[in-house]
Amino acid sequence: MQAFTTQEITRKSVGIALGFLKLSGELEDEAAADLFITKSVERMMDAGIKQELILANSAIAEYRNSTRRDQSAVLRTIVR
């Protein structure tokens, strides 16, 4: 079994997450999403998680929650 470096796991996990979000049409600002997802993956890796799919899926969930909160804040501002 081949051991991957932290950088390889990060790159693969971020790639999986960004690819999914792009294909699903959920990717708004690719550069901002890349930064958000990379930081999310790095934080989880610092906590000891090393499985690429778990990292990617968790980062996708965090990104979705973040964009929903941002959209809700905009709607609340408009309604006022």
PDB file of N, CA and C in Angstrom:
ATOM      1  N   MET A   1       0.845  -1.177   0.000  1.00  0.00           N
ATOM      2  CA  MET A   1       0.000   0.000   0.000  1.00  0.00           C
ATOM      3  C   MET A   1       0.893   1.244   0.000  1.00  0.00           C
ATOM      4  N   GLN A   2       0.607   2.160  -0.883  1.00  0.00           N
ATOM      5  CA  GLN A   2       1.408   3.363  -1.025  1.00  0.00           C
ATOM      6  C   GLN A   2       0.957   4.433  -0.038  1.00  0.00           C
ATOM      7  N   ALA A   3       1.929   5.036   0.650  1.00  0.00           N
ATOM      8  CA  ALA A   3       1.618   6.131   1.576  1.00  0.00           C
ATOM      9  C   ALA A   3       1.726   7.450   0.813  1.00  0.00           C
ATOM     10  N   PHE A   4       0.747   8.304   0.979  1.00  0.00           N
ATOM     11  CA  PHE A   4       0.738   9.589   0.301  1.00  0.00           C
ATOM     12  C   PHE A   4       1.164  10.684   1.264  1.00  0.00           C
ATOM     13  N   THR A   5       1.765  11.729   0.728  1.00  0.00           N
ATOM     14  CA  THR A   5       2.162  12.859   1.556  1.00  0.00           C
ATOM     15  C   THR A   5       0.935  13.711   1.879  1.00  0.00           C
ATOM     16  N   THR A   6       1.098  14.544   2.871  1.00  0.00           N
ATOM     17  CA  THR A   6       0.020  15.458   3.254  1.00  0.00           C
ATOM     18  C   THR A   6      -0.388  16.331   2.074  1.00  0.00           C
ATOM     19  N   GLN A   7       0.590  16.806   1.320  1.00  0.00           N
ATOM     20  CA  GLN A   7       0.291  17.659   0.169  1.00  0.00           C
ATOM     21  C   GLN A   7      -0.490  16.905  -0.900  1.00  0.00           C
ATOM     22  N   GLU A   8      -0.157  15.646  -1.118  1.00  0.00           N
ATOM     23  CA  GLU A   8      -0.880  14.843  -2.111  1.00  0.00           C
ATOM     24  C   GLU A   8      -2.328  14.589  -1.677  1.00  0.00           C
ATOM     25  N   ILE A   9      -2.509  14.288  -0.407  1.00  0.00           N
ATOM     26  CA  ILE A   9      -3.855  14.046   0.102  1.00  0.00           C
ATOM     27  C   ILE A   9      -4.680  15.330   0.008  1.00  0.00           C
ATOM     28  N   THR A  10      -4.069  16.452   0.374  1.00  0.00           N
ATOM     29  CA  THR A  10      -4.762  17.741   0.283  1.00  0.00           C
ATOM     30  C   THR A  10      -5.154  18.035  -1.153  1.00  0.00           C
ATOM     31  N   ARG A  11      -4.203  17.901  -2.072  1.00  0.00           N
ATOM     32  CA  ARG A  11      -4.463  18.208  -3.484  1.00  0.00           C
ATOM     33  C   ARG A  11      -5.569  17.320  -4.047  1.00  0.00           C
ATOM     34  N   LYS A  12      -5.518  16.032  -3.746  1.00  0.00           N
ATOM     35  CA  LYS A  12      -6.547  15.109  -4.253  1.00  0.00           C
ATOM     36  C   LYS A  12      -7.915  15.417  -3.654  1.00  0.00           C
ATOM     37  N   SER A  13      -7.963  15.671  -2.357  1.00  0.00           N
ATOM     38  CA  SER A  13      -9.239  15.952  -1.693  1.00  0.00           C
ATOM     39  C   SER A  13      -9.862  17.239  -2.211  1.00  0.00           C
ATOM     40  N   VAL A  14      -9.057  18.277  -2.345  1.00  0.00           N
ATOM     41  CA  VAL A  14      -9.545  19.554  -2.877  1.00  0.00           C
ATOM     42  C   VAL A  14     -10.009  19.374  -4.313  1.00  0.00           C
ATOM     43  N   GLY A  15      -9.261  18.621  -5.096  1.00  0.00           N
ATOM     44  CA  GLY A  15      -9.648  18.363  -6.485  1.00  0.00           C
ATOM     45  C   GLY A  15     -10.978  17.640  -6.600  1.00  0.00           C
ATOM     46  N   ILE A  16     -11.180  16.652  -5.740  1.00  0.00           N
ATOM     47  CA  ILE A  16     -12.449  15.914  -5.731  1.00  0.00           C
ATOM     48  C   ILE A  16     -13.599  16.864  -5.401  1.00  0.00           C
ATOM     49  N   ALA A  17     -13.420  17.663  -4.343  1.00  0.00           N
ATOM     50  CA  ALA A  17     -14.489  18.566  -3.905  1.00  0.00           C
ATOM     51  C   ALA A  17     -14.798  19.618  -4.964  1.00  0.00           C
ATOM     52  N   LEU A  18     -13.766  20.253  -5.512  1.00  0.00           N
ATOM     53  CA  LEU A  18     -13.996  21.284  -6.530  1.00  0.00           C
ATOM     54  C   LEU A  18     -14.617  20.685  -7.789  1.00  0.00           C
ATOM     55  N   GLY A  19     -14.150  19.520  -8.184  1.00  0.00           N
ATOM     56  CA  GLY A  19     -14.713  18.863  -9.360  1.00  0.00           C
ATOM     57  C   GLY A  19     -16.188  18.560  -9.185  1.00  0.00           C
ATOM     58  N   PHE A  20     -16.553  18.069  -8.018  1.00  0.00           N
ATOM     59  CA  PHE A  20     -17.954  17.771  -7.743  1.00  0.00           C
ATOM     60  C   PHE A  20     -18.792  19.041  -7.782  1.00  0.00           C
ATOM     61  N   LEU A  21     -18.331  20.085  -7.084  1.00  0.00           N
ATOM     62  CA  LEU A  21     -19.098  21.331  -7.029  1.00  0.00           C
ATOM     63  C   LEU A  21     -19.242  21.953  -8.418  1.00  0.00           C
ATOM     64  N   LYS A  22     -18.216  21.831  -9.230  1.00  0.00           N
ATOM     65  CA  LYS A  22     -18.270  22.371 -10.594  1.00  0.00           C
ATOM     66  C   LYS A  22     -19.299  21.594 -11.425  1.00  0.00           C
ATOM     67  N   LEU A  23     -19.233  20.280 -11.359  1.00  0.00           N
ATOM     68  CA  LEU A  23     -20.166  19.452 -12.136  1.00  0.00           C
ATOM     69  C   LEU A  23     -21.615  19.609 -11.671  1.00  0.00           C
ATOM     70  N   SER A  24     -21.803  19.872 -10.389  1.00  0.00           N
ATOM     71  CA  SER A  24     -23.163  20.013  -9.867  1.00  0.00           C
ATOM     72  C   SER A  24     -23.710  21.422 -10.049  1.00  0.00           C
ATOM     73  N   GLY A  25     -22.877  22.334 -10.554  1.00  0.00           N
ATOM     74  CA  GLY A  25     -23.319  23.701 -10.792  1.00  0.00           C
ATOM     75  C   GLY A  25     -23.353  24.562  -9.541  1.00  0.00           C
ATOM     76  N   GLU A  26     -22.744  24.101  -8.467  1.00  0.00           N
ATOM     77  CA  GLU A  26     -22.768  24.832  -7.201  1.00  0.00           C
ATOM     78  C   GLU A  26     -21.574  25.757  -7.013  1.00  0.00           C
ATOM     79  N   LEU A  27     -20.634  25.709  -7.914  1.00  0.00           N
ATOM     80  CA  LEU A  27     -19.410  26.492  -7.775  1.00  0.00           C
ATOM     81  C   LEU A  27     -19.648  27.903  -8.271  1.00  0.00           C
ATOM     82  N   GLU A  28     -19.584  28.859  -7.355  1.00  0.00           N
ATOM     83  CA  GLU A  28     -19.845  30.253  -7.710  1.00  0.00           C
ATOM     84  C   GLU A  28     -18.544  30.969  -8.088  1.00  0.00           C
ATOM     85  N   ASP A  29     -17.652  31.123  -7.148  1.00  0.00           N
ATOM     86  CA  ASP A  29     -16.366  31.784  -7.353  1.00  0.00           C
ATOM     87  C   ASP A  29     -15.289  30.728  -7.135  1.00  0.00           C
ATOM     88  N   GLU A  30     -14.693  30.235  -8.221  1.00  0.00           N
ATOM     89  CA  GLU A  30     -13.784  29.101  -8.120  1.00  0.00           C
ATOM     90  C   GLU A  30     -12.573  29.392  -7.239  1.00  0.00           C
ATOM     91  N   ALA A  31     -11.999  30.585  -7.352  1.00  0.00           N
ATOM     92  CA  ALA A  31     -10.822  30.918  -6.545  1.00  0.00           C
ATOM     93  C   ALA A  31     -11.169  30.955  -5.058  1.00  0.00           C
ATOM     94  N   ALA A  32     -12.301  31.570  -4.727  1.00  0.00           N
ATOM     95  CA  ALA A  32     -12.732  31.642  -3.326  1.00  0.00           C
ATOM     96  C   ALA A  32     -13.074  30.249  -2.803  1.00  0.00           C
ATOM     97  N   ALA A  33     -13.743  29.451  -3.624  1.00  0.00           N
ATOM     98  CA  ALA A  33     -14.095  28.087  -3.222  1.00  0.00           C
ATOM     99  C   ALA A  33     -12.837  27.251  -3.010  1.00  0.00           C
ATOM    100  N   ASP A  34     -11.857  27.398  -3.874  1.00  0.00           N
ATOM    101  CA  ASP A  34     -10.589  26.669  -3.746  1.00  0.00           C
ATOM    102  C   ASP A  34      -9.941  26.995  -2.404  1.00  0.00           C
ATOM    103  N   LEU A  35      -9.874  28.271  -2.063  1.00  0.00           N
ATOM    104  CA  LEU A  35      -9.274  28.685  -0.797  1.00  0.00           C
ATOM    105  C   LEU A  35     -10.072  28.144   0.391  1.00  0.00           C
ATOM    106  N   PHE A  36     -11.388  28.281   0.338  1.00  0.00           N
ATOM    107  CA  PHE A  36     -12.252  27.804   1.419  1.00  0.00           C
ATOM    108  C   PHE A  36     -12.075  26.298   1.629  1.00  0.00           C
ATOM    109  N   ILE A  37     -12.136  25.542   0.542  1.00  0.00           N
ATOM    110  CA  ILE A  37     -12.052  24.078   0.628  1.00  0.00           C
ATOM    111  C   ILE A  37     -10.662  23.639   1.073  1.00  0.00           C
ATOM    112  N   THR A  38      -9.627  24.294   0.572  1.00  0.00           N
ATOM    113  CA  THR A  38      -8.262  23.955   0.985  1.00  0.00           C
ATOM    114  C   THR A  38      -8.097  24.160   2.484  1.00  0.00           C
ATOM    115  N   LYS A  39      -8.556  25.283   2.993  1.00  0.00           N
ATOM    116  CA  LYS A  39      -8.452  25.547   4.436  1.00  0.00           C
ATOM    117  C   LYS A  39      -9.265  24.527   5.238  1.00  0.00           C
ATOM    118  N   SER A  40     -10.425  24.176   4.745  1.00  0.00           N
ATOM    119  CA  SER A  40     -11.270  23.188   5.405  1.00  0.00           C
ATOM    120  C   SER A  40     -10.557  21.834   5.478  1.00  0.00           C
ATOM    121  N   VAL A  41     -10.001  21.398   4.355  1.00  0.00           N
ATOM    122  CA  VAL A  41      -9.283  20.116   4.297  1.00  0.00           C
ATOM    123  C   VAL A  41      -8.060  20.150   5.217  1.00  0.00           C
ATOM    124  N   GLU A  42      -7.309  21.229   5.182  1.00  0.00           N
ATOM    125  CA  GLU A  42      -6.120  21.335   6.029  1.00  0.00           C
ATOM    126  C   GLU A  42      -6.485  21.270   7.512  1.00  0.00           C
ATOM    127  N   ARG A  43      -7.570  21.932   7.888  1.00  0.00           N
ATOM    128  CA  ARG A  43      -8.011  21.920   9.280  1.00  0.00           C
ATOM    129  C   ARG A  43      -8.381  20.497   9.720  1.00  0.00           C
ATOM    130  N   MET A  44      -9.095  19.777   8.853  1.00  0.00           N
ATOM    131  CA  MET A  44      -9.477  18.407   9.188  1.00  0.00           C
ATOM    132  C   MET A  44      -8.255  17.489   9.243  1.00  0.00           C
ATOM    133  N   MET A  45      -7.294  17.719   8.351  1.00  0.00           N
ATOM    134  CA  MET A  45      -6.076  16.909   8.373  1.00  0.00           C
ATOM    135  C   MET A  45      -5.283  17.166   9.648  1.00  0.00           C
ATOM    136  N   ASP A  46      -5.273  18.421  10.098  1.00  0.00           N
ATOM    137  CA  ASP A  46      -4.606  18.736  11.370  1.00  0.00           C
ATOM    138  C   ASP A  46      -5.257  17.999  12.536  1.00  0.00           C
ATOM    139  N   ALA A  47      -6.546  17.689  12.391  1.00  0.00           N
ATOM    140  CA  ALA A  47      -7.276  16.945  13.424  1.00  0.00           C
ATOM    141  C   ALA A  47      -7.064  15.437  13.288  1.00  0.00           C
ATOM    142  N   GLY A  48      -6.316  15.021  12.256  1.00  0.00           N
ATOM    143  CA  GLY A  48      -5.973  13.608  12.117  1.00  0.00           C
ATOM    144  C   GLY A  48      -6.714  12.845  11.037  1.00  0.00           C
ATOM    145  N   ILE A  49      -7.611  13.487  10.312  1.00  0.00           N
ATOM    146  CA  ILE A  49      -8.357  12.809   9.248  1.00  0.00           C
ATOM    147  C   ILE A  49      -7.481  12.776   7.996  1.00  0.00           C
ATOM    148  N   LYS A  50      -7.316  11.603   7.397  1.00  0.00           N
ATOM    149  CA  LYS A  50      -6.436  11.460   6.231  1.00  0.00           C
ATOM    150  C   LYS A  50      -7.118  10.816   5.021  1.00  0.00           C
ATOM    151  N   GLN A  51      -8.386  10.409   5.151  1.00  0.00           N
ATOM    152  CA  GLN A  51      -9.080   9.737   4.053  1.00  0.00           C
ATOM    153  C   GLN A  51      -9.604  10.792   3.072  1.00  0.00           C
ATOM    154  N   GLU A  52      -9.189  10.677   1.816  1.00  0.00           N
ATOM    155  CA  GLU A  52      -9.504  11.689   0.802  1.00  0.00           C
ATOM    156  C   GLU A  52     -10.998  11.926   0.626  1.00  0.00           C
ATOM    157  N   LEU A  53     -11.789  10.861   0.541  1.00  0.00           N
ATOM    158  CA  LEU A  53     -13.218  11.041   0.309  1.00  0.00           C
ATOM    159  C   LEU A  53     -13.932  11.650   1.513  1.00  0.00           C
ATOM    160  N   ILE A  54     -13.509  11.285   2.700  1.00  0.00           N
ATOM    161  CA  ILE A  54     -14.093  11.906   3.895  1.00  0.00           C
ATOM    162  C   ILE A  54     -13.753  13.387   3.915  1.00  0.00           C
ATOM    163  N   LEU A  55     -12.503  13.719   3.609  1.00  0.00           N
ATOM    164  CA  LEU A  55     -12.081  15.117   3.564  1.00  0.00           C
ATOM    165  C   LEU A  55     -12.867  15.888   2.513  1.00  0.00           C
ATOM    166  N   ALA A  56     -12.981  15.327   1.317  1.00  0.00           N
ATOM    167  CA  ALA A  56     -13.686  16.006   0.225  1.00  0.00           C
ATOM    168  C   ALA A  56     -15.165  16.195   0.562  1.00  0.00           C
ATOM    169  N   ASN A  57     -15.822  15.134   1.043  1.00  0.00           N
ATOM    170  CA  ASN A  57     -17.247  15.224   1.366  1.00  0.00           C
ATOM    171  C   ASN A  57     -17.512  16.216   2.493  1.00  0.00           C
ATOM    172  N   SER A  58     -16.675  16.213   3.493  1.00  0.00           N
ATOM    173  CA  SER A  58     -16.846  17.154   4.604  1.00  0.00           C
ATOM    174  C   SER A  58     -16.625  18.592   4.150  1.00  0.00           C
ATOM    175  N   ALA A  59     -15.635  18.803   3.283  1.00  0.00           N
ATOM    176  CA  ALA A  59     -15.365  20.141   2.760  1.00  0.00           C
ATOM    177  C   ALA A  59     -16.530  20.623   1.894  1.00  0.00           C
ATOM    178  N   ILE A  60     -17.114  19.735   1.114  1.00  0.00           N
ATOM    179  CA  ILE A  60     -18.289  20.089   0.299  1.00  0.00           C
ATOM    180  C   ILE A  60     -19.437  20.520   1.209  1.00  0.00           C
ATOM    181  N   ALA A  61     -19.679  19.757   2.270  1.00  0.00           N
ATOM    182  CA  ALA A  61     -20.759  20.094   3.206  1.00  0.00           C
ATOM    183  C   ALA A  61     -20.512  21.456   3.849  1.00  0.00           C
ATOM    184  N   GLU A  62     -19.274  21.733   4.254  1.00  0.00           N
ATOM    185  CA  GLU A  62     -18.953  23.026   4.849  1.00  0.00           C
ATOM    186  C   GLU A  62     -19.141  24.160   3.839  1.00  0.00           C
ATOM    187  N   TYR A  63     -18.731  23.925   2.600  1.00  0.00           N
ATOM    188  CA  TYR A  63     -18.890  24.943   1.554  1.00  0.00           C
ATOM    189  C   TYR A  63     -20.368  25.233   1.323  1.00  0.00           C
ATOM    190  N   ARG A  64     -21.165  24.180   1.226  1.00  0.00           N
ATOM    191  CA  ARG A  64     -22.608  24.363   1.021  1.00  0.00           C
ATOM    192  C   ARG A  64     -23.226  25.143   2.177  1.00  0.00           C
ATOM    193  N   ASN A  65     -22.875  24.789   3.402  1.00  0.00           N
ATOM    194  CA  ASN A  65     -23.409  25.512   4.566  1.00  0.00           C
ATOM    195  C   ASN A  65     -22.974  26.965   4.543  1.00  0.00           C
ATOM    196  N   SER A  66     -21.760  27.227   4.150  1.00  0.00           N
ATOM    197  CA  SER A  66     -21.241  28.590   4.089  1.00  0.00           C
ATOM    198  C   SER A  66     -21.988  29.420   3.049  1.00  0.00           C
ATOM    199  N   THR A  67     -22.213  28.853   1.882  1.00  0.00           N
ATOM    200  CA  THR A  67     -22.901  29.611   0.834  1.00  0.00           C
ATOM    201  C   THR A  67     -24.361  29.829   1.192  1.00  0.00           C
ATOM    202  N   ARG A  68     -24.979  28.880   1.882  1.00  0.00           N
ATOM    203  CA  ARG A  68     -26.374  29.062   2.325  1.00  0.00           C
ATOM    204  C   ARG A  68     -26.473  30.185   3.342  1.00  0.00           C
ATOM    205  N   ARG A  69     -25.524  30.241   4.285  1.00  0.00           N
ATOM    206  CA  ARG A  69     -25.519  31.322   5.282  1.00  0.00           C
ATOM    207  C   ARG A  69     -25.327  32.668   4.606  1.00  0.00           C
ATOM    208  N   ASP A  70     -24.413  32.728   3.617  1.00  0.00           N
ATOM    209  CA  ASP A  70     -24.174  33.984   2.900  1.00  0.00           C
ATOM    210  C   ASP A  70     -25.433  34.426   2.156  1.00  0.00           C
ATOM    211  N   GLN A  71     -26.121  33.489   1.507  1.00  0.00           N
ATOM    212  CA  GLN A  71     -27.340  33.821   0.775  1.00  0.00           C
ATOM    213  C   GLN A  71     -28.438  34.273   1.732  1.00  0.00           C
ATOM    214  N   SER A  72     -28.527  33.651   2.891  1.00  0.00           N
ATOM    215  CA  SER A  72     -29.537  34.053   3.881  1.00  0.00           C
ATOM    216  C   SER A  72     -29.262  35.455   4.387  1.00  0.00           C
ATOM    217  N   ALA A  73     -28.004  35.791   4.599  1.00  0.00           N
ATOM    218  CA  ALA A  73     -27.650  37.131   5.074  1.00  0.00           C
ATOM    219  C   ALA A  73     -28.024  38.192   4.035  1.00  0.00           C
ATOM    220  N   VAL A  74     -27.796  37.887   2.766  1.00  0.00           N
ATOM    221  CA  VAL A  74     -28.147  38.820   1.694  1.00  0.00           C
ATOM    222  C   VAL A  74     -29.658  39.013   1.651  1.00  0.00           C
ATOM    223  N   LEU A  75     -30.405  37.913   1.760  1.00  0.00           N
ATOM    224  CA  LEU A  75     -31.871  38.010   1.739  1.00  0.00           C
ATOM    225  C   LEU A  75     -32.393  38.822   2.918  1.00  0.00           C
ATOM    226  N   ARG A  76     -31.820  38.632   4.102  1.00  0.00           N
ATOM    227  CA  ARG A  76     -32.257  39.388   5.263  1.00  0.00           C
ATOM    228  C   ARG A  76     -31.999  40.889   5.058  1.00  0.00           C
ATOM    229  N   THR A  77     -30.878  41.228   4.419  1.00  0.00           N
ATOM    230  CA  THR A  77     -30.542  42.629   4.157  1.00  0.00           C
ATOM    231  C   THR A  77     -31.518  43.230   3.162  1.00  0.00           C
ATOM    232  N   ILE A  78     -31.883  42.478   2.143  1.00  0.00           N
ATOM    233  CA  ILE A  78     -32.805  42.960   1.101  1.00  0.00           C
ATOM    234  C   ILE A  78     -34.199  43.181   1.683  1.00  0.00           C
ATOM    235  N   VAL A  79     -34.651  42.270   2.536  1.00  0.00           N
ATOM    236  CA  VAL A  79     -36.003  42.330   3.084  1.00  0.00           C
ATOM    237  C   VAL A  79     -36.162  43.511   4.043  1.00  0.00           C
ATOM    238  N   ARG A  80     -35.125  43.913   4.692  1.00  0.00           N
ATOM    239  CA  ARG A  80     -35.202  45.015   5.663  1.00  0.00           C
ATOM    240  C   ARG A  80     -35.484  46.276   4.984  1.00  0.00           C
TER     241      ARG A  80
END
